N, C-alpha and C. Protein backbone atom coordinates (compact mmCIF):
# COMPACT_ATOMS: atom_id res chain seq x y z
N MET A 1 -14.16 -16.07 24.48
CA MET A 1 -13.02 -16.76 23.92
C MET A 1 -12.37 -15.85 22.87
N PRO A 2 -11.15 -15.36 23.13
CA PRO A 2 -10.47 -14.57 22.10
C PRO A 2 -10.17 -15.44 20.87
N PRO A 3 -10.24 -14.86 19.68
CA PRO A 3 -10.05 -15.66 18.46
C PRO A 3 -8.59 -15.94 18.15
N ILE A 4 -7.84 -16.44 19.12
CA ILE A 4 -6.42 -16.72 18.94
C ILE A 4 -6.25 -17.92 18.02
N ASN A 5 -5.51 -17.72 16.94
CA ASN A 5 -5.25 -18.78 15.96
C ASN A 5 -6.55 -19.40 15.45
N GLY A 6 -7.58 -18.56 15.27
CA GLY A 6 -8.84 -19.04 14.71
C GLY A 6 -9.74 -19.75 15.70
N ALA A 7 -9.47 -19.64 17.00
CA ALA A 7 -10.29 -20.33 18.00
C ALA A 7 -11.71 -19.78 18.02
N THR A 8 -12.65 -20.65 18.30
CA THR A 8 -14.04 -20.28 18.49
C THR A 8 -14.53 -20.88 19.80
N ALA A 9 -15.72 -20.52 20.21
CA ALA A 9 -16.27 -21.07 21.45
C ALA A 9 -16.41 -22.58 21.36
N SER A 10 -16.68 -23.09 20.17
CA SER A 10 -16.85 -24.54 20.05
C SER A 10 -15.51 -25.28 19.93
N SER A 11 -14.47 -24.61 19.37
CA SER A 11 -13.20 -25.30 19.21
C SER A 11 -12.33 -25.23 20.46
N GLY A 12 -12.53 -24.19 21.29
CA GLY A 12 -11.70 -24.03 22.48
C GLY A 12 -10.33 -23.49 22.10
N SER A 13 -9.47 -23.33 23.10
CA SER A 13 -8.14 -22.78 22.87
C SER A 13 -7.18 -23.27 23.95
N PRO A 14 -5.93 -23.53 23.60
CA PRO A 14 -4.97 -23.92 24.62
C PRO A 14 -4.54 -22.74 25.50
N TYR A 15 -4.91 -21.51 25.12
CA TYR A 15 -4.49 -20.33 25.85
C TYR A 15 -5.49 -19.91 26.92
N PHE A 16 -6.75 -20.27 26.77
CA PHE A 16 -7.78 -19.94 27.75
C PHE A 16 -8.68 -21.15 27.94
N SER A 17 -8.96 -21.49 29.18
CA SER A 17 -9.94 -22.55 29.40
C SER A 17 -11.33 -21.92 29.41
N GLU A 18 -12.33 -22.71 29.28
CA GLU A 18 -13.70 -22.21 29.35
C GLU A 18 -14.41 -22.84 30.54
N ASN A 19 -13.65 -23.10 31.59
CA ASN A 19 -14.22 -23.72 32.78
C ASN A 19 -15.04 -22.73 33.58
N PRO A 20 -16.23 -23.13 34.04
CA PRO A 20 -17.01 -22.25 34.89
C PRO A 20 -16.22 -21.92 36.15
N GLY A 21 -16.26 -20.66 36.55
CA GLY A 21 -15.59 -20.26 37.77
C GLY A 21 -14.14 -19.82 37.58
N ASP A 22 -13.63 -19.86 36.34
CA ASP A 22 -12.28 -19.35 36.11
C ASP A 22 -12.25 -17.87 36.51
N PRO A 23 -11.25 -17.46 37.26
CA PRO A 23 -11.20 -16.05 37.67
C PRO A 23 -10.89 -15.13 36.49
N PHE A 24 -11.66 -14.07 36.38
CA PHE A 24 -11.44 -13.05 35.36
C PHE A 24 -12.09 -11.77 35.85
N TRP A 25 -11.29 -10.72 35.92
CA TRP A 25 -11.82 -9.44 36.35
C TRP A 25 -11.34 -8.39 35.37
N ALA A 26 -12.24 -7.57 34.85
CA ALA A 26 -11.88 -6.56 33.86
C ALA A 26 -12.80 -5.36 33.99
N TRP A 27 -12.33 -4.24 33.47
CA TRP A 27 -13.16 -3.03 33.43
C TRP A 27 -12.73 -2.19 32.24
N ASP A 28 -13.57 -1.23 31.88
CA ASP A 28 -13.19 -0.27 30.86
C ASP A 28 -13.82 1.07 31.16
N SER A 29 -13.26 2.11 30.57
CA SER A 29 -13.83 3.45 30.69
C SER A 29 -13.73 4.12 29.33
N GLN A 30 -14.62 5.06 29.11
CA GLN A 30 -14.67 5.72 27.81
C GLN A 30 -15.04 7.18 28.00
N ILE A 31 -14.44 8.02 27.19
CA ILE A 31 -14.83 9.42 27.14
C ILE A 31 -15.12 9.76 25.68
N THR A 32 -16.20 10.49 25.46
CA THR A 32 -16.65 10.79 24.11
C THR A 32 -16.96 12.27 23.99
N GLY A 33 -16.57 12.85 22.88
CA GLY A 33 -16.92 14.24 22.60
C GLY A 33 -17.52 14.34 21.21
N ASP A 34 -18.59 15.10 21.10
CA ASP A 34 -19.25 15.33 19.82
C ASP A 34 -19.18 16.80 19.45
N TYR A 35 -18.99 17.08 18.16
CA TYR A 35 -19.04 18.44 17.64
C TYR A 35 -20.02 18.42 16.48
N MET A 36 -21.04 19.28 16.54
CA MET A 36 -22.09 19.32 15.52
C MET A 36 -22.11 20.71 14.87
N PRO A 37 -21.34 20.89 13.78
CA PRO A 37 -21.33 22.20 13.12
C PRO A 37 -22.66 22.53 12.46
N THR A 38 -23.41 21.52 12.03
CA THR A 38 -24.77 21.70 11.51
C THR A 38 -25.63 20.57 12.08
N ARG A 39 -26.92 20.65 11.87
CA ARG A 39 -27.79 19.60 12.41
C ARG A 39 -27.67 18.30 11.62
N ASN A 40 -26.99 18.30 10.47
CA ASN A 40 -26.85 17.10 9.65
C ASN A 40 -25.47 16.46 9.71
N ILE A 41 -24.51 17.07 10.38
CA ILE A 41 -23.15 16.52 10.46
C ILE A 41 -22.71 16.49 11.91
N THR A 42 -22.16 15.36 12.31
CA THR A 42 -21.62 15.21 13.66
C THR A 42 -20.23 14.60 13.56
N PHE A 43 -19.27 15.20 14.23
CA PHE A 43 -17.93 14.64 14.37
C PHE A 43 -17.83 14.09 15.78
N ARG A 44 -17.33 12.87 15.92
CA ARG A 44 -17.23 12.22 17.23
C ARG A 44 -15.80 11.74 17.45
N LEU A 45 -15.29 12.02 18.65
CA LEU A 45 -13.98 11.55 19.07
C LEU A 45 -14.18 10.74 20.35
N GLU A 46 -13.70 9.50 20.34
CA GLU A 46 -13.85 8.61 21.49
C GLU A 46 -12.49 8.08 21.92
N PHE A 47 -12.28 8.00 23.22
CA PHE A 47 -11.11 7.33 23.77
C PHE A 47 -11.61 6.26 24.72
N ASN A 48 -11.11 5.03 24.57
CA ASN A 48 -11.53 3.91 25.39
C ASN A 48 -10.30 3.26 26.00
N HIS A 49 -10.33 3.01 27.30
CA HIS A 49 -9.25 2.30 28.00
C HIS A 49 -9.85 1.04 28.62
N ARG A 50 -9.21 -0.10 28.36
CA ARG A 50 -9.68 -1.38 28.91
C ARG A 50 -8.56 -2.03 29.71
N TRP A 51 -8.91 -2.75 30.77
CA TRP A 51 -7.93 -3.42 31.62
C TRP A 51 -8.50 -4.77 32.03
N ALA A 52 -7.64 -5.77 32.13
CA ALA A 52 -8.01 -7.10 32.62
C ALA A 52 -6.90 -7.61 33.54
N ASP A 53 -7.26 -8.49 34.47
CA ASP A 53 -6.26 -9.01 35.41
C ASP A 53 -5.39 -10.11 34.81
N VAL A 54 -5.73 -10.58 33.63
CA VAL A 54 -4.90 -11.55 32.91
C VAL A 54 -4.65 -11.01 31.50
N PRO A 55 -3.56 -11.36 30.84
CA PRO A 55 -3.36 -10.90 29.46
C PRO A 55 -4.50 -11.40 28.57
N TYR A 56 -5.30 -10.49 28.04
CA TYR A 56 -6.51 -10.84 27.31
C TYR A 56 -6.61 -10.13 25.96
N PHE A 57 -6.07 -8.91 25.86
CA PHE A 57 -6.23 -8.10 24.66
C PHE A 57 -5.07 -8.32 23.70
N ALA A 58 -5.33 -8.16 22.41
CA ALA A 58 -4.29 -8.35 21.39
C ALA A 58 -3.25 -7.24 21.47
N GLY A 59 -1.98 -7.62 21.55
CA GLY A 59 -0.89 -6.66 21.54
C GLY A 59 -0.48 -6.34 20.12
N SER A 60 0.62 -5.62 19.98
CA SER A 60 1.06 -5.19 18.65
C SER A 60 1.47 -6.37 17.76
N GLY A 61 1.85 -7.51 18.36
CA GLY A 61 2.23 -8.70 17.59
C GLY A 61 1.05 -9.52 17.12
N GLY A 62 -0.15 -9.20 17.60
CA GLY A 62 -1.36 -9.87 17.15
C GLY A 62 -1.58 -11.26 17.73
N VAL A 63 -2.67 -11.88 17.31
CA VAL A 63 -3.04 -13.21 17.80
C VAL A 63 -3.15 -14.23 16.67
N THR A 64 -2.63 -13.85 15.48
CA THR A 64 -2.63 -14.76 14.33
C THR A 64 -1.20 -15.18 14.05
N PRO A 65 -0.94 -16.48 13.95
CA PRO A 65 0.43 -16.94 13.69
C PRO A 65 0.95 -16.48 12.33
N PRO A 66 2.27 -16.45 12.16
CA PRO A 66 2.83 -16.11 10.85
C PRO A 66 2.30 -17.08 9.79
N GLY A 67 1.90 -16.56 8.67
CA GLY A 67 1.34 -17.40 7.62
C GLY A 67 -0.17 -17.55 7.73
N GLY A 68 -0.77 -16.98 8.77
CA GLY A 68 -2.22 -17.03 8.92
C GLY A 68 -2.71 -18.24 9.69
N ASN A 69 -4.01 -18.35 9.81
CA ASN A 69 -4.64 -19.47 10.51
C ASN A 69 -4.64 -20.67 9.59
N THR A 70 -3.74 -21.60 9.83
CA THR A 70 -3.67 -22.81 9.02
C THR A 70 -3.82 -24.01 9.93
N GLY A 71 -4.32 -25.07 9.39
CA GLY A 71 -4.51 -26.27 10.20
C GLY A 71 -5.81 -26.20 11.00
N THR A 72 -5.89 -27.03 12.00
CA THR A 72 -7.08 -27.11 12.85
C THR A 72 -7.20 -25.85 13.70
N PRO A 73 -8.40 -25.23 13.74
CA PRO A 73 -8.56 -24.03 14.57
C PRO A 73 -8.16 -24.28 16.02
N SER A 74 -7.49 -23.32 16.59
CA SER A 74 -7.06 -23.26 17.99
C SER A 74 -5.96 -24.25 18.34
N THR A 75 -5.41 -24.99 17.39
CA THR A 75 -4.29 -25.89 17.67
C THR A 75 -3.04 -25.04 17.89
N ALA A 76 -2.31 -25.32 18.95
CA ALA A 76 -1.10 -24.55 19.24
C ALA A 76 -0.08 -24.71 18.12
N VAL A 77 0.48 -23.61 17.68
CA VAL A 77 1.51 -23.62 16.64
C VAL A 77 2.86 -23.71 17.33
N PRO A 78 3.66 -24.70 17.04
CA PRO A 78 4.96 -24.85 17.71
C PRO A 78 5.85 -23.63 17.51
N GLY A 79 6.43 -23.14 18.61
CA GLY A 79 7.35 -22.01 18.54
C GLY A 79 6.69 -20.66 18.46
N TRP A 80 5.37 -20.58 18.55
CA TRP A 80 4.68 -19.30 18.45
C TRP A 80 3.72 -19.16 19.62
N SER A 81 3.60 -17.96 20.13
CA SER A 81 2.58 -17.68 21.15
C SER A 81 1.97 -16.32 20.84
N PRO A 82 0.71 -16.11 21.16
CA PRO A 82 0.05 -14.85 20.84
C PRO A 82 0.62 -13.72 21.69
N ASP A 83 0.57 -12.51 21.17
CA ASP A 83 1.00 -11.32 21.89
C ASP A 83 -0.22 -10.76 22.61
N LEU A 84 -0.38 -11.11 23.87
CA LEU A 84 -1.52 -10.67 24.67
C LEU A 84 -1.05 -9.68 25.72
N THR A 85 -1.88 -8.66 25.99
CA THR A 85 -1.57 -7.66 27.00
C THR A 85 -2.74 -7.52 27.96
N LYS A 86 -2.49 -6.88 29.09
CA LYS A 86 -3.54 -6.66 30.08
C LYS A 86 -4.33 -5.38 29.84
N THR A 87 -3.83 -4.50 28.98
CA THR A 87 -4.52 -3.24 28.71
C THR A 87 -4.69 -3.01 27.22
N GLU A 88 -5.67 -2.18 26.91
CA GLU A 88 -5.90 -1.79 25.52
C GLU A 88 -6.43 -0.37 25.51
N ASN A 89 -5.87 0.47 24.64
CA ASN A 89 -6.35 1.84 24.45
C ASN A 89 -6.79 1.99 23.01
N ARG A 90 -7.94 2.63 22.82
CA ARG A 90 -8.44 2.87 21.47
C ARG A 90 -8.86 4.33 21.34
N LEU A 91 -8.50 4.92 20.21
CA LEU A 91 -8.93 6.26 19.88
C LEU A 91 -9.70 6.16 18.57
N THR A 92 -10.93 6.65 18.56
CA THR A 92 -11.79 6.54 17.40
C THR A 92 -12.28 7.92 16.99
N LEU A 93 -12.18 8.21 15.72
CA LEU A 93 -12.71 9.44 15.16
C LEU A 93 -13.75 9.05 14.11
N ALA A 94 -14.92 9.65 14.19
CA ALA A 94 -15.99 9.29 13.24
C ALA A 94 -16.69 10.56 12.77
N MET A 95 -17.23 10.48 11.56
CA MET A 95 -18.06 11.54 11.03
C MET A 95 -19.41 10.92 10.65
N LEU A 96 -20.46 11.46 11.20
CA LEU A 96 -21.80 10.97 10.91
C LEU A 96 -22.53 12.02 10.08
N VAL A 97 -23.15 11.57 8.99
CA VAL A 97 -23.86 12.48 8.10
C VAL A 97 -25.30 12.01 8.01
N ARG A 98 -26.23 12.94 8.21
CA ARG A 98 -27.65 12.62 8.09
C ARG A 98 -28.16 13.22 6.79
N PHE A 99 -28.81 12.37 5.99
CA PHE A 99 -29.37 12.83 4.70
C PHE A 99 -30.82 13.13 4.84
């Protein structure tokens, strides 16, 4: 259950049902590169691509209504809908230090 407008598994959401057997197909792929200039420092670069057959991932407009999550969790806010997309790309850069 995506946390649209503060939704949780127990509160449900008007945007996604939780019925058994609802069709959902998704996949992701990732490529990672590490650079270790010394045995105590590692730099990591990751790229992740995700895809789903229904709009599932948060788009640039987000999944929180203007003014934040107010009122009962997962209650539809009149005049607003979440910005959901079928794809998501993430680029992550990390530095790991061992002491």
